[in-house]
Amino acid sequence: MMNLFDDEQIMKTYAKDIEKETERKTAETMIKKGKMTLEEIADYIPTLSFDELKEIEAEVMQLA
């Protein structure tokens, strides 16, 4: 029984990690296009904090 619970928790955590990574990639793409401010992107991706968006922006600018 504990194994089932552990496996279920692992899968939920894994799914959340994938969702977060997808959201980060979406934000990265939006930042690269340069058509929206971070505030506007935050409205569309509310699960990312403004600080996270600033970090993503810094990474994108560093790669440019």
N, C-alpha and C. Protein backbone atom coordinates (compact mmCIF):
# COMPACT_ATOMS: atom_id res chain seq x y z
N MET A 1 0.83 -1.19 0.00
CA MET A 1 0.00 0.00 0.00
C MET A 1 0.88 1.26 0.00
N MET A 2 1.92 1.28 0.80
CA MET A 2 2.82 2.43 0.86
C MET A 2 3.50 2.65 -0.48
N ASN A 3 3.84 1.54 -1.13
CA ASN A 3 4.48 1.64 -2.44
C ASN A 3 3.59 2.35 -3.44
N LEU A 4 2.32 2.02 -3.43
CA LEU A 4 1.37 2.65 -4.34
C LEU A 4 1.30 4.15 -4.08
N PHE A 5 1.24 4.53 -2.82
CA PHE A 5 1.20 5.94 -2.46
C PHE A 5 2.47 6.64 -2.91
N ASP A 6 3.60 6.03 -2.67
CA ASP A 6 4.88 6.62 -3.07
C ASP A 6 4.96 6.79 -4.58
N ASP A 7 4.54 5.77 -5.33
CA ASP A 7 4.56 5.85 -6.78
C ASP A 7 3.64 6.95 -7.28
N GLU A 8 2.49 7.07 -6.65
CA GLU A 8 1.53 8.11 -7.05
C GLU A 8 2.11 9.50 -6.78
N GLN A 9 2.73 9.67 -5.62
CA GLN A 9 3.35 10.95 -5.29
C GLN A 9 4.48 11.28 -6.26
N ILE A 10 5.26 10.29 -6.60
CA ILE A 10 6.37 10.50 -7.54
C ILE A 10 5.83 10.94 -8.89
N MET A 11 4.76 10.31 -9.36
CA MET A 11 4.19 10.67 -10.65
C MET A 11 3.60 12.08 -10.62
N LYS A 12 2.95 12.46 -9.53
CA LYS A 12 2.40 13.81 -9.42
C LYS A 12 3.51 14.85 -9.42
N THR A 13 4.56 14.57 -8.70
CA THR A 13 5.70 15.49 -8.65
C THR A 13 6.35 15.61 -10.02
N TYR A 14 6.49 14.48 -10.69
CA TYR A 14 7.08 14.47 -12.04
C TYR A 14 6.22 15.28 -13.00
N ALA A 15 4.91 15.12 -12.94
CA ALA A 15 4.00 15.87 -13.81
C ALA A 15 4.10 17.37 -13.54
N LYS A 16 4.19 17.75 -12.28
CA LYS A 16 4.33 19.17 -11.94
C LYS A 16 5.65 19.73 -12.47
N ASP A 17 6.71 18.94 -12.38
CA ASP A 17 8.01 19.38 -12.88
C ASP A 17 7.97 19.61 -14.40
N ILE A 18 7.31 18.71 -15.10
CA ILE A 18 7.18 18.84 -16.55
C ILE A 18 6.35 20.07 -16.89
N GLU A 19 5.27 20.28 -16.16
CA GLU A 19 4.42 21.45 -16.39
C GLU A 19 5.21 22.74 -16.17
N LYS A 20 5.98 22.78 -15.11
CA LYS A 20 6.78 23.97 -14.79
C LYS A 20 7.81 24.22 -15.90
N GLU A 21 8.44 23.18 -16.37
CA GLU A 21 9.43 23.33 -17.44
C GLU A 21 8.77 23.83 -18.72
N THR A 22 7.59 23.34 -19.02
CA THR A 22 6.85 23.79 -20.20
C THR A 22 6.51 25.27 -20.07
N GLU A 23 6.09 25.68 -18.89
CA GLU A 23 5.77 27.08 -18.66
C GLU A 23 7.01 27.97 -18.80
N ARG A 24 8.14 27.49 -18.31
CA ARG A 24 9.39 28.25 -18.43
C ARG A 24 9.78 28.41 -19.90
N LYS A 25 9.64 27.33 -20.68
CA LYS A 25 9.97 27.40 -22.11
C LYS A 25 9.03 28.35 -22.85
N THR A 26 7.77 28.34 -22.47
CA THR A 26 6.81 29.26 -23.08
C THR A 26 7.19 30.69 -22.76
N ALA A 27 7.51 30.96 -21.52
CA ALA A 27 7.92 32.31 -21.12
C ALA A 27 9.19 32.71 -21.86
N GLU A 28 10.12 31.80 -21.98
CA GLU A 28 11.37 32.08 -22.69
C GLU A 28 11.09 32.48 -24.14
N THR A 29 10.20 31.75 -24.79
CA THR A 29 9.83 32.06 -26.17
C THR A 29 9.18 33.44 -26.26
N MET A 30 8.30 33.74 -25.33
CA MET A 30 7.62 35.03 -25.32
C MET A 30 8.62 36.17 -25.11
N ILE A 31 9.58 35.96 -24.24
CA ILE A 31 10.60 36.98 -23.98
C ILE A 31 11.47 37.18 -25.22
N LYS A 32 11.85 36.08 -25.88
CA LYS A 32 12.68 36.17 -27.08
C LYS A 32 12.00 36.97 -28.18
N LYS A 33 10.69 36.78 -28.31
CA LYS A 33 9.95 37.52 -29.34
C LYS A 33 9.89 39.00 -29.04
N GLY A 34 9.96 39.37 -27.76
CA GLY A 34 10.04 40.76 -27.37
C GLY A 34 8.79 41.59 -27.59
N LYS A 35 7.67 40.96 -27.73
CA LYS A 35 6.43 41.69 -28.01
C LYS A 35 5.61 41.98 -26.75
N MET A 36 6.02 41.40 -25.64
CA MET A 36 5.28 41.56 -24.40
C MET A 36 6.23 41.93 -23.27
N THR A 37 5.71 42.67 -22.32
CA THR A 37 6.49 42.98 -21.13
C THR A 37 6.43 41.78 -20.18
N LEU A 38 7.30 41.78 -19.19
CA LEU A 38 7.26 40.71 -18.20
C LEU A 38 5.94 40.72 -17.45
N GLU A 39 5.39 41.90 -17.22
CA GLU A 39 4.10 42.00 -16.53
C GLU A 39 3.00 41.31 -17.33
N GLU A 40 3.04 41.51 -18.64
CA GLU A 40 2.03 40.88 -19.50
C GLU A 40 2.22 39.36 -19.54
N ILE A 41 3.46 38.93 -19.61
CA ILE A 41 3.74 37.49 -19.60
C ILE A 41 3.27 36.89 -18.28
N ALA A 42 3.49 37.60 -17.18
CA ALA A 42 3.05 37.12 -15.87
C ALA A 42 1.53 36.93 -15.83
N ASP A 43 0.80 37.77 -16.56
CA ASP A 43 -0.66 37.62 -16.63
C ASP A 43 -1.05 36.32 -17.33
N TYR A 44 -0.26 35.93 -18.33
CA TYR A 44 -0.57 34.72 -19.08
C TYR A 44 -0.02 33.45 -18.44
N ILE A 45 1.02 33.60 -17.66
CA ILE A 45 1.62 32.44 -16.98
C ILE A 45 1.72 32.76 -15.49
N PRO A 46 0.59 32.76 -14.80
CA PRO A 46 0.59 33.19 -13.40
C PRO A 46 1.32 32.25 -12.44
N THR A 47 1.63 31.04 -12.88
CA THR A 47 2.33 30.10 -12.00
C THR A 47 3.80 30.44 -11.85
N LEU A 48 4.32 31.29 -12.75
CA LEU A 48 5.71 31.74 -12.63
C LEU A 48 5.72 33.09 -11.91
N SER A 49 6.57 33.19 -10.93
CA SER A 49 6.67 34.46 -10.21
C SER A 49 7.38 35.49 -11.08
N PHE A 50 7.23 36.74 -10.71
CA PHE A 50 7.90 37.81 -11.45
C PHE A 50 9.41 37.65 -11.36
N ASP A 51 9.89 37.20 -10.21
CA ASP A 51 11.34 36.96 -10.05
C ASP A 51 11.81 35.85 -10.99
N GLU A 52 11.01 34.80 -11.13
CA GLU A 52 11.36 33.73 -12.06
C GLU A 52 11.42 34.26 -13.50
N LEU A 53 10.46 35.11 -13.84
CA LEU A 53 10.45 35.68 -15.19
C LEU A 53 11.68 36.55 -15.42
N LYS A 54 12.09 37.30 -14.39
CA LYS A 54 13.30 38.12 -14.52
C LYS A 54 14.53 37.24 -14.71
N GLU A 55 14.58 36.10 -14.01
CA GLU A 55 15.70 35.16 -14.17
C GLU A 55 15.73 34.61 -15.59
N ILE A 56 14.56 34.24 -16.09
CA ILE A 56 14.48 33.71 -17.46
C ILE A 56 14.92 34.77 -18.45
N GLU A 57 14.47 36.00 -18.23
CA GLU A 57 14.87 37.11 -19.12
C GLU A 57 16.39 37.29 -19.10
N ALA A 58 16.99 37.23 -17.93
CA ALA A 58 18.45 37.38 -17.81
C ALA A 58 19.15 36.26 -18.58
N GLU A 59 18.65 35.05 -18.48
CA GLU A 59 19.24 33.92 -19.20
C GLU A 59 19.13 34.12 -20.70
N VAL A 60 17.96 34.57 -21.15
CA VAL A 60 17.75 34.79 -22.58
C VAL A 60 18.69 35.88 -23.09
N MET A 61 18.81 36.97 -22.35
CA MET A 61 19.67 38.08 -22.76
C MET A 61 21.13 37.68 -22.76
N GLN A 62 21.50 36.80 -21.85
CA GLN A 62 22.88 36.33 -21.77
C GLN A 62 23.23 35.49 -22.99
N LEU A 63 22.25 34.73 -23.49
CA LEU A 63 22.47 33.87 -24.65
C LEU A 63 22.46 34.65 -25.97
N ALA A 64 21.86 35.81 -25.95
CA ALA A 64 21.73 36.60 -27.18
C ALA A 64 23.03 37.23 -27.61
